[in-house]
Amino acid sequence: MNSKEIKIGELMANSVEDHWFNPASLAHYLAQQPLWTIDRIMEVVAWIIEKQARRAEDEIKHGRTSHGLTLAYNLDKQIDKYKASNQLDNLKLP
């Protein structure tokens, strides 16, 4: 039996492959949640960026990349700068 996190990940990965999937609708729904939930969602987003940035490093070694991986790599650098210059009480960044 898969964990809740794996089930959500599988659902998301399968959903974005659907031609009719609208990422803006998902983002709007998630942005309307209570503040504590938004902090948790942003933790998930930051972890996705972190993991994709590490994948970008691996793919570059093999001469492959994508715009999404390049964006994740650059966003990860910015998150690191943000984390270093701000005290985050309610947000746990990677």
N, C-alpha and C. Protein backbone atom coordinates (compact mmCIF):
# COMPACT_ATOMS: atom_id res chain seq x y z
N MET A 1 0.85 -1.19 0.00
CA MET A 1 0.00 0.00 0.00
C MET A 1 0.89 1.25 0.00
N ASN A 2 0.64 2.12 -0.94
CA ASN A 2 1.42 3.35 -1.06
C ASN A 2 1.01 4.38 -0.01
N SER A 3 1.96 5.21 0.38
CA SER A 3 1.68 6.28 1.33
C SER A 3 0.82 7.35 0.65
N LYS A 4 0.25 8.22 1.47
CA LYS A 4 -0.56 9.33 0.96
C LYS A 4 0.26 10.19 0.01
N GLU A 5 1.53 10.41 0.35
CA GLU A 5 2.39 11.25 -0.48
C GLU A 5 2.61 10.63 -1.87
N ILE A 6 2.84 9.33 -1.90
CA ILE A 6 3.04 8.64 -3.18
C ILE A 6 1.75 8.67 -4.00
N LYS A 7 0.62 8.45 -3.37
CA LYS A 7 -0.66 8.48 -4.08
C LYS A 7 -0.91 9.85 -4.71
N ILE A 8 -0.65 10.92 -3.96
CA ILE A 8 -0.82 12.27 -4.49
C ILE A 8 0.16 12.51 -5.64
N GLY A 9 1.40 12.07 -5.46
CA GLY A 9 2.41 12.23 -6.51
C GLY A 9 2.01 11.51 -7.79
N GLU A 10 1.52 10.28 -7.65
CA GLU A 10 1.08 9.52 -8.82
C GLU A 10 -0.10 10.22 -9.51
N LEU A 11 -1.06 10.69 -8.71
CA LEU A 11 -2.22 11.38 -9.28
C LEU A 11 -1.79 12.65 -10.02
N MET A 12 -0.88 13.39 -9.41
CA MET A 12 -0.42 14.62 -10.05
C MET A 12 0.36 14.32 -11.34
N ALA A 13 1.30 13.37 -11.27
CA ALA A 13 2.09 13.02 -12.45
C ALA A 13 1.20 12.53 -13.59
N ASN A 14 0.21 11.72 -13.27
CA ASN A 14 -0.70 11.23 -14.31
C ASN A 14 -1.61 12.33 -14.83
N SER A 15 -2.03 13.23 -13.94
CA SER A 15 -2.96 14.30 -14.34
C SER A 15 -2.31 15.29 -15.29
N VAL A 16 -1.06 15.66 -15.05
CA VAL A 16 -0.44 16.67 -15.92
C VAL A 16 -0.21 16.15 -17.34
N GLU A 17 -0.26 14.85 -17.52
CA GLU A 17 -0.12 14.28 -18.87
C GLU A 17 -1.40 14.43 -19.68
N ASP A 18 -2.51 14.72 -19.02
CA ASP A 18 -3.80 14.90 -19.68
C ASP A 18 -3.80 16.23 -20.43
N HIS A 19 -4.19 16.19 -21.67
CA HIS A 19 -4.21 17.39 -22.51
C HIS A 19 -5.08 18.50 -21.90
N TRP A 20 -6.12 18.13 -21.17
CA TRP A 20 -7.06 19.10 -20.63
C TRP A 20 -6.68 19.59 -19.23
N PHE A 21 -5.58 19.12 -18.69
CA PHE A 21 -5.15 19.54 -17.34
C PHE A 21 -4.81 21.03 -17.36
N ASN A 22 -5.33 21.76 -16.38
CA ASN A 22 -5.11 23.20 -16.30
C ASN A 22 -4.34 23.53 -15.02
N PRO A 23 -3.02 23.74 -15.11
CA PRO A 23 -2.23 24.01 -13.92
C PRO A 23 -2.67 25.29 -13.20
N ALA A 24 -3.19 26.27 -13.94
CA ALA A 24 -3.65 27.51 -13.31
C ALA A 24 -4.85 27.26 -12.40
N SER A 25 -5.73 26.35 -12.78
CA SER A 25 -6.89 26.02 -11.94
C SER A 25 -6.45 25.34 -10.65
N LEU A 26 -5.50 24.44 -10.75
CA LEU A 26 -4.96 23.78 -9.55
C LEU A 26 -4.30 24.81 -8.65
N ALA A 27 -3.49 25.69 -9.24
CA ALA A 27 -2.80 26.72 -8.46
C ALA A 27 -3.80 27.64 -7.76
N HIS A 28 -4.85 28.03 -8.46
CA HIS A 28 -5.88 28.90 -7.87
C HIS A 28 -6.54 28.21 -6.68
N TYR A 29 -6.90 26.95 -6.85
CA TYR A 29 -7.53 26.21 -5.75
C TYR A 29 -6.61 26.14 -4.53
N LEU A 30 -5.36 25.81 -4.76
CA LEU A 30 -4.41 25.69 -3.64
C LEU A 30 -4.14 27.03 -2.98
N ALA A 31 -4.16 28.11 -3.75
CA ALA A 31 -3.91 29.45 -3.20
C ALA A 31 -5.06 29.94 -2.33
N GLN A 32 -6.20 29.32 -2.42
CA GLN A 32 -7.37 29.74 -1.64
C GLN A 32 -7.46 29.03 -0.28
N GLN A 33 -6.46 28.27 0.07
CA GLN A 33 -6.48 27.52 1.33
C GLN A 33 -6.08 28.43 2.50
N PRO A 34 -6.31 27.96 3.73
CA PRO A 34 -5.87 28.73 4.90
C PRO A 34 -4.35 28.93 4.90
N LEU A 35 -3.89 29.95 5.60
CA LEU A 35 -2.48 30.31 5.58
C LEU A 35 -1.57 29.16 5.98
N TRP A 36 -1.93 28.41 7.02
CA TRP A 36 -1.08 27.31 7.45
C TRP A 36 -0.94 26.29 6.33
N THR A 37 -2.04 26.01 5.65
CA THR A 37 -2.02 25.05 4.55
C THR A 37 -1.16 25.58 3.40
N ILE A 38 -1.24 26.88 3.13
CA ILE A 38 -0.43 27.48 2.07
C ILE A 38 1.06 27.30 2.39
N ASP A 39 1.44 27.49 3.66
CA ASP A 39 2.84 27.26 4.04
C ASP A 39 3.26 25.83 3.74
N ARG A 40 2.41 24.87 4.05
CA ARG A 40 2.73 23.47 3.77
C ARG A 40 2.82 23.21 2.26
N ILE A 41 1.91 23.82 1.51
CA ILE A 41 1.95 23.66 0.05
C ILE A 41 3.25 24.23 -0.50
N MET A 42 3.67 25.39 0.00
CA MET A 42 4.93 25.98 -0.46
C MET A 42 6.13 25.13 -0.06
N GLU A 43 6.04 24.42 1.06
CA GLU A 43 7.10 23.47 1.41
C GLU A 43 7.19 22.37 0.35
N VAL A 44 6.04 21.87 -0.07
CA VAL A 44 6.01 20.84 -1.12
C VAL A 44 6.61 21.40 -2.41
N VAL A 45 6.21 22.61 -2.78
CA VAL A 45 6.73 23.24 -4.00
C VAL A 45 8.25 23.37 -3.90
N ALA A 46 8.73 23.84 -2.75
CA ALA A 46 10.19 24.00 -2.56
C ALA A 46 10.91 22.66 -2.66
N TRP A 47 10.32 21.61 -2.11
CA TRP A 47 10.95 20.29 -2.21
C TRP A 47 10.94 19.78 -3.65
N ILE A 48 9.88 20.04 -4.38
CA ILE A 48 9.84 19.63 -5.79
C ILE A 48 10.96 20.35 -6.55
N ILE A 49 11.10 21.64 -6.30
CA ILE A 49 12.16 22.42 -6.95
C ILE A 49 13.52 21.86 -6.57
N GLU A 50 13.74 21.56 -5.29
CA GLU A 50 15.01 21.00 -4.82
C GLU A 50 15.34 19.68 -5.54
N LYS A 51 14.37 18.78 -5.58
CA LYS A 51 14.61 17.47 -6.20
C LYS A 51 14.83 17.60 -7.71
N GLN A 52 14.09 18.49 -8.35
CA GLN A 52 14.27 18.69 -9.79
C GLN A 52 15.61 19.37 -10.09
N ALA A 53 16.06 20.24 -9.18
CA ALA A 53 17.38 20.88 -9.37
C ALA A 53 18.49 19.84 -9.30
N ARG A 54 18.38 18.90 -8.37
CA ARG A 54 19.38 17.83 -8.29
C ARG A 54 19.32 16.96 -9.55
N ARG A 55 18.12 16.72 -10.05
CA ARG A 55 18.00 15.95 -11.29
C ARG A 55 18.62 16.72 -12.46
N ALA A 56 18.43 18.04 -12.46
CA ALA A 56 19.04 18.87 -13.52
C ALA A 56 20.54 18.67 -13.54
N GLU A 57 21.16 18.67 -12.37
CA GLU A 57 22.61 18.47 -12.30
C GLU A 57 23.01 17.12 -12.91
N ASP A 58 22.24 16.08 -12.60
CA ASP A 58 22.53 14.75 -13.16
C ASP A 58 22.31 14.71 -14.67
N GLU A 59 21.23 15.32 -15.14
CA GLU A 59 20.93 15.29 -16.57
C GLU A 59 21.97 16.07 -17.37
N ILE A 60 22.44 17.20 -16.82
CA ILE A 60 23.45 18.01 -17.51
C ILE A 60 24.72 17.20 -17.72
N LYS A 61 25.08 16.37 -16.74
CA LYS A 61 26.27 15.51 -16.86
C LYS A 61 26.16 14.58 -18.07
N HIS A 62 24.93 14.22 -18.44
CA HIS A 62 24.71 13.32 -19.57
C HIS A 62 24.29 14.07 -20.83
N GLY A 63 24.43 15.39 -20.80
CA GLY A 63 24.13 16.18 -21.99
C GLY A 63 22.65 16.37 -22.26
N ARG A 64 21.83 16.19 -21.22
CA ARG A 64 20.38 16.34 -21.40
C ARG A 64 19.88 17.38 -20.39
N THR A 65 18.81 18.04 -20.76
CA THR A 65 18.12 18.92 -19.82
C THR A 65 16.80 19.32 -20.44
N SER A 66 16.04 20.10 -19.71
CA SER A 66 14.78 20.66 -20.21
C SER A 66 14.63 22.06 -19.63
N HIS A 67 13.73 22.80 -20.19
CA HIS A 67 13.49 24.15 -19.67
C HIS A 67 13.00 24.07 -18.22
N GLY A 68 12.17 23.07 -17.92
CA GLY A 68 11.66 22.91 -16.56
C GLY A 68 12.77 22.62 -15.57
N LEU A 69 13.71 21.76 -15.94
CA LEU A 69 14.82 21.44 -15.04
C LEU A 69 15.75 22.65 -14.87
N THR A 70 15.95 23.39 -15.95
CA THR A 70 16.78 24.59 -15.85
C THR A 70 16.12 25.62 -14.94
N LEU A 71 14.82 25.79 -15.08
CA LEU A 71 14.09 26.71 -14.21
C LEU A 71 14.19 26.25 -12.75
N ALA A 72 14.01 24.97 -12.50
CA ALA A 72 14.10 24.44 -11.14
C ALA A 72 15.49 24.69 -10.55
N TYR A 73 16.50 24.50 -11.35
CA TYR A 73 17.87 24.71 -10.88
C TYR A 73 18.07 26.17 -10.45
N ASN A 74 17.60 27.09 -11.26
CA ASN A 74 17.75 28.51 -10.94
C ASN A 74 16.85 28.94 -9.77
N LEU A 75 15.66 28.41 -9.69
CA LEU A 75 14.79 28.71 -8.56
C LEU A 75 15.37 28.17 -7.26
N ASP A 76 16.00 27.00 -7.32
CA ASP A 76 16.62 26.42 -6.14
C ASP A 76 17.71 27.34 -5.58
N LYS A 77 18.47 27.95 -6.47
CA LYS A 77 19.50 28.89 -6.02
C LYS A 77 18.86 30.10 -5.33
N GLN A 78 17.75 30.57 -5.86
CA GLN A 78 17.07 31.71 -5.25
C GLN A 78 16.44 31.36 -3.91
N ILE A 79 15.89 30.16 -3.81
CA ILE A 79 15.33 29.70 -2.53
C ILE A 79 16.44 29.63 -1.48
N ASP A 80 17.61 29.14 -1.87
CA ASP A 80 18.73 29.08 -0.93
C ASP A 80 19.10 30.47 -0.43
N LYS A 81 19.12 31.45 -1.32
CA LYS A 81 19.42 32.84 -0.92
C LYS A 81 18.33 33.38 0.01
N TYR A 82 17.10 33.11 -0.32
CA TYR A 82 15.98 33.57 0.50
C TYR A 82 16.05 32.97 1.90
N LYS A 83 16.30 31.68 1.94
CA LYS A 83 16.39 30.96 3.23
C LYS A 83 17.52 31.53 4.08
N ALA A 84 18.64 31.88 3.47
CA ALA A 84 19.80 32.39 4.20
C ALA A 84 19.56 33.79 4.76
N SER A 85 18.70 34.56 4.12
CA SER A 85 18.53 35.95 4.55
C SER A 85 17.22 36.22 5.28
N ASN A 86 16.43 35.19 5.55
CA ASN A 86 15.14 35.37 6.22
C ASN A 86 14.96 34.34 7.33
N GLN A 87 14.36 34.77 8.42
CA GLN A 87 14.01 33.83 9.49
C GLN A 87 12.64 33.26 9.17
N LEU A 88 12.56 31.98 9.00
CA LEU A 88 11.32 31.33 8.62
C LEU A 88 10.80 30.50 9.79
N ASP A 89 9.77 31.00 10.44
CA ASP A 89 9.23 30.30 11.61
C ASP A 89 8.21 29.23 11.23
N ASN A 90 7.41 29.50 10.22
CA ASN A 90 6.32 28.58 9.87
C ASN A 90 6.55 27.82 8.57
N LEU A 91 7.73 27.98 8.02
CA LEU A 91 8.02 27.36 6.73
C LEU A 91 9.36 26.63 6.82
N LYS A 92 9.35 25.35 6.47
CA LYS A 92 10.57 24.55 6.52
C LYS A 92 11.03 24.27 5.10
N LEU A 93 12.05 24.99 4.68
CA LEU A 93 12.57 24.81 3.32
C LEU A 93 13.70 23.81 3.30
N PRO A 94 13.86 23.09 2.19
CA PRO A 94 14.95 22.10 2.10
C PRO A 94 16.32 22.75 2.15
